Amino acid sequence: MKPQSFNFAFGNATRWETAHCANTIFPNLFYPSSAEEIEAAEPVIKETCQDCPMKQECLQLALDNKDFNGYFGGVSPKERRIMSADRSRVRRGNSKEVIRLMELGWTLEDACDEVGILLASFMKWKNQGKKQHTKDKDKS
């Protein structure tokens, strides 16, 4: 019997068809359950995800959903917990730095990469600021 293929489609198969994990025949690879499986799988996962065009978006989905199971974007659950905690502590300062770099002519994506925050985190921060500004206007 041929193994079933696995697809991290997240509800939109067309969008994810370029993902390197799409159609892999080893879906459990991304969800190792023992120390031995982690040791064997981690190098393969890192290599699979390294140049994947969906790597950043995959990681962002896991962070946004606070999914700390399995590997997403080549990042382990432990690494994502650390990233999640770090991002919540420094988001405001980093987002302001992104704006400063954009004023110097950087693209939004390059500025986010340089500062070390995810594009979606920046956009979320920016939209929260707009909502607060609207609330302040409504009060006056």
Protein backbone atom coordinates (compact mmCIF):
# COMPACT_ATOMS: atom_id res chain seq x y z
CA MET A 1 0.00 0.00 0.00
CA LYS A 2 1.37 3.41 -1.00
CA PRO A 3 1.58 5.96 1.86
CA GLN A 4 -0.86 8.84 1.75
CA SER A 5 0.65 12.21 0.88
CA PHE A 6 0.44 14.98 3.43
CA ASN A 7 -0.34 18.62 2.72
CA PHE A 8 -0.04 21.55 5.13
CA ALA A 9 -2.74 23.38 3.17
CA PHE A 10 -4.25 25.25 6.15
CA GLY A 11 -7.53 25.47 4.26
CA ASN A 12 -6.10 26.86 1.01
CA ALA A 13 -4.34 24.16 -1.01
CA THR A 14 -3.57 26.39 -3.99
CA ARG A 15 -1.81 28.95 -1.85
CA TRP A 16 0.33 26.29 -0.18
CA GLU A 17 1.17 24.10 -3.17
CA THR A 18 4.72 25.52 -3.32
CA ALA A 19 5.43 24.63 0.31
CA HIS A 20 8.25 22.12 0.56
CA CYS A 21 6.25 20.03 3.05
CA ALA A 22 3.28 19.78 0.70
CA ASN A 23 2.68 16.23 -0.42
CA THR A 24 5.38 14.73 1.79
CA ILE A 25 4.70 11.10 2.53
CA PHE A 26 5.92 11.46 6.14
CA PRO A 27 3.47 13.77 7.93
CA ASN A 28 4.56 12.55 11.36
CA LEU A 29 8.02 13.91 10.62
CA PHE A 30 6.79 17.37 11.66
CA TYR A 31 5.26 16.01 14.88
CA PRO A 32 7.92 13.84 16.53
CA SER A 33 6.73 12.36 19.80
CA SER A 34 9.89 11.12 21.50
CA ALA A 35 13.40 12.41 22.10
CA GLU A 36 14.74 9.84 19.62
CA GLU A 37 12.26 10.94 16.93
CA ILE A 38 13.13 14.61 17.54
CA GLU A 39 16.84 13.89 17.22
CA ALA A 40 16.29 12.03 13.94
CA ALA A 41 13.69 14.40 12.47
CA GLU A 42 15.04 17.83 13.35
CA PRO A 43 17.88 17.95 10.77
CA VAL A 44 15.51 16.73 8.04
CA ILE A 45 12.87 19.29 9.03
CA LYS A 46 15.38 22.14 9.12
CA GLU A 47 16.66 21.17 5.65
CA THR A 48 13.12 20.78 4.25
CA CYS A 49 12.03 24.18 5.54
CA GLN A 50 15.27 26.09 4.93
CA ASP A 51 14.48 27.46 1.46
CA CYS A 52 10.71 26.96 1.46
CA PRO A 53 8.81 29.93 -0.04
CA MET A 54 6.09 29.49 2.61
CA LYS A 55 8.46 29.27 5.58
CA GLN A 56 7.68 32.70 7.05
CA GLU A 57 3.93 32.39 6.55
CA CYS A 58 3.91 28.90 8.06
CA LEU A 59 5.77 30.14 11.12
CA GLN A 60 3.49 33.17 11.40
CA LEU A 61 0.38 30.96 11.42
CA ALA A 62 1.76 28.90 14.27
CA LEU A 63 2.72 32.02 16.25
CA ASP A 64 -0.59 33.77 15.63
CA ASN A 65 -2.50 30.68 16.75
CA LYS A 66 -0.14 30.03 19.65
CA ASP A 67 0.39 26.52 18.28
CA PHE A 68 3.27 25.03 20.21
CA ASN A 69 2.99 21.51 18.80
CA GLY A 70 5.12 20.22 15.96
CA TYR A 71 7.46 22.12 13.68
CA PHE A 72 6.31 25.09 11.60
CA GLY A 73 8.61 27.08 9.36
CA GLY A 74 11.46 24.87 10.54
CA VAL A 75 11.02 26.12 14.11
CA SER A 76 10.54 23.80 17.07
CA PRO A 77 7.78 24.28 19.67
CA LYS A 78 10.36 25.36 22.26
CA GLU A 79 11.87 27.94 19.88
CA ARG A 80 8.37 29.30 19.08
CA ARG A 81 7.56 29.72 22.77
CA ILE A 82 10.70 31.82 23.17
CA MET A 83 9.94 33.81 20.00
CA SER A 84 6.38 34.45 21.12
CA ALA A 85 7.49 35.77 24.50
CA ASP A 86 10.27 37.91 22.98
CA ARG A 87 8.01 39.44 20.33
CA SER A 88 5.37 40.48 22.83
CA ARG A 89 7.95 42.29 24.95
CA VAL A 90 9.63 44.30 22.18
CA ARG A 91 6.96 44.82 19.55
CA ARG A 92 6.40 48.56 20.06
CA GLY A 93 10.06 49.58 19.83
CA ASN A 94 10.74 47.32 16.89
CA SER A 95 7.67 48.53 15.03
CA LYS A 96 8.77 52.14 15.42
CA GLU A 97 12.18 51.13 14.08
CA VAL A 98 10.48 49.61 11.02
CA ILE A 99 8.73 52.93 10.38
CA ARG A 100 12.04 54.78 10.73
CA LEU A 101 13.72 52.48 8.19
CA MET A 102 10.81 52.88 5.77
CA GLU A 103 11.22 56.66 6.01
CA LEU A 104 14.81 56.10 4.89
CA GLY A 105 13.59 54.25 1.79
CA TRP A 106 13.54 50.62 2.95
CA THR A 107 10.70 48.38 1.78
CA LEU A 108 8.33 47.18 4.48
CA GLU A 109 9.46 43.56 4.10
CA ASP A 110 13.17 44.46 4.25
CA ALA A 111 12.65 46.72 7.27
CA CYS A 112 10.82 43.95 9.15
CA ASP A 113 13.57 41.47 8.27
CA GLU A 114 16.27 43.90 9.40
CA VAL A 115 14.57 44.58 12.73
CA GLY A 116 13.73 40.93 13.26
CA ILE A 117 9.96 41.03 13.48
CA LEU A 118 7.41 39.33 11.30
CA LEU A 119 5.47 41.40 8.78
CA ALA A 120 2.17 40.23 10.24
CA SER A 121 3.24 41.38 13.72
CA PHE A 122 4.04 44.83 12.37
CA MET A 123 0.68 45.04 10.57
CA LYS A 124 -1.17 43.93 13.70
CA TRP A 125 0.64 46.61 15.74
CA LYS A 126 -0.10 49.24 13.10
CA ASN A 127 -3.80 48.32 12.93
CA GLN A 128 -4.10 48.42 16.73
CA GLY A 129 -2.74 51.95 16.64
CA LYS A 130 -5.35 52.97 14.07
CA LYS A 131 -8.14 51.50 16.21
CA GLN A 132 -6.89 53.38 19.28
CA HIS A 133 -6.64 56.63 17.29
CA THR A 134 -10.26 56.16 16.08
CA LYS A 135 -11.44 55.50 19.66
CA ASP A 136 -9.68 58.66 20.87
CA LYS A 137 -11.35 60.71 18.09
CA ASP A 138 -14.78 59.31 18.97
CA LYS A 139 -14.37 60.38 22.61
CA SER A 140 -13.72 64.02 21.67
